[in-house]
Amino acid sequence: MANLKIKLVKSLNGRLDKHIATARSLGLRKIGGETVQPDNPQTRGKIAQIRYLISVTEE
């Protein structure tokens, strides 16, 4: 199964509470923080919601 490497590139300060919660659910806390998540519809939905805050690469 494929994985996605997700990196937080913009600050969460001043963002919608829903978007902050989504970033936290992906394991992203600080700018530059990275996490590896499985490539599935749930993860893709979270990525779509906060795509302006993150960068995604496939592993």
Protein backbone atom coordinates (compact mmCIF):
# COMPACT_ATOMS: atom_id res chain seq x y z
CA MET A 1 0.00 0.00 0.00
CA ALA A 2 1.26 3.47 -0.89
CA ASN A 3 2.04 6.12 1.68
CA LEU A 4 1.98 9.92 1.55
CA LYS A 5 4.54 12.19 3.21
CA ILE A 6 2.78 15.33 4.41
CA LYS A 7 4.64 18.45 5.54
CA LEU A 8 3.15 21.54 7.20
CA VAL A 9 4.52 24.57 5.34
CA LYS A 10 2.29 27.37 6.66
CA SER A 11 1.33 28.41 10.17
CA LEU A 12 -1.91 27.30 11.83
CA ASN A 13 -2.28 30.67 13.60
CA GLY A 14 -5.52 32.42 12.69
CA ARG A 15 -6.90 29.47 10.70
CA LEU A 16 -10.37 28.00 11.07
CA ASP A 17 -10.73 25.70 14.08
CA LYS A 18 -11.84 22.93 11.74
CA HIS A 19 -8.64 23.22 9.70
CA ILE A 20 -6.45 23.25 12.81
CA ALA A 21 -8.21 20.09 14.02
CA THR A 22 -7.64 18.44 10.64
CA ALA A 23 -3.91 19.25 10.73
CA ARG A 24 -3.67 17.88 14.27
CA SER A 25 -5.48 14.68 13.24
CA LEU A 26 -2.79 14.19 10.58
CA GLY A 27 -0.12 14.58 13.27
CA LEU A 28 1.04 18.04 12.20
CA ARG A 29 1.92 20.42 15.04
CA LYS A 30 4.64 22.85 13.94
CA ILE A 31 5.79 24.39 10.66
CA GLY A 32 8.20 21.94 9.04
CA GLY A 33 6.62 18.98 10.82
CA GLU A 34 6.28 15.87 8.67
CA THR A 35 4.18 12.76 8.95
CA VAL A 36 3.65 9.66 6.84
CA GLN A 37 0.05 8.60 6.31
CA PRO A 38 -1.55 5.79 4.29
CA ASP A 39 -2.94 6.76 0.89
CA ASN A 40 -6.67 6.19 1.37
CA PRO A 41 -9.87 8.21 0.82
CA GLN A 42 -9.95 9.44 4.43
CA THR A 43 -6.44 10.86 4.24
CA ARG A 44 -7.09 12.34 0.78
CA GLY A 45 -10.17 14.13 2.17
CA LYS A 46 -8.15 15.67 5.01
CA ILE A 47 -5.46 16.75 2.56
CA ALA A 48 -8.06 18.36 0.29
CA GLN A 49 -9.43 20.40 3.19
CA ILE A 50 -6.07 21.92 4.20
CA ARG A 51 -4.19 21.76 0.88
CA TYR A 52 -3.20 25.45 1.18
CA LEU A 53 -1.24 24.71 4.40
CA ILE A 54 0.69 21.59 3.40
CA SER A 55 2.87 19.95 0.78
CA VAL A 56 2.38 16.31 -0.14
CA THR A 57 4.76 13.82 -1.74
CA GLU A 58 4.20 10.16 -2.50
CA GLU A 59 6.48 7.54 -1.04
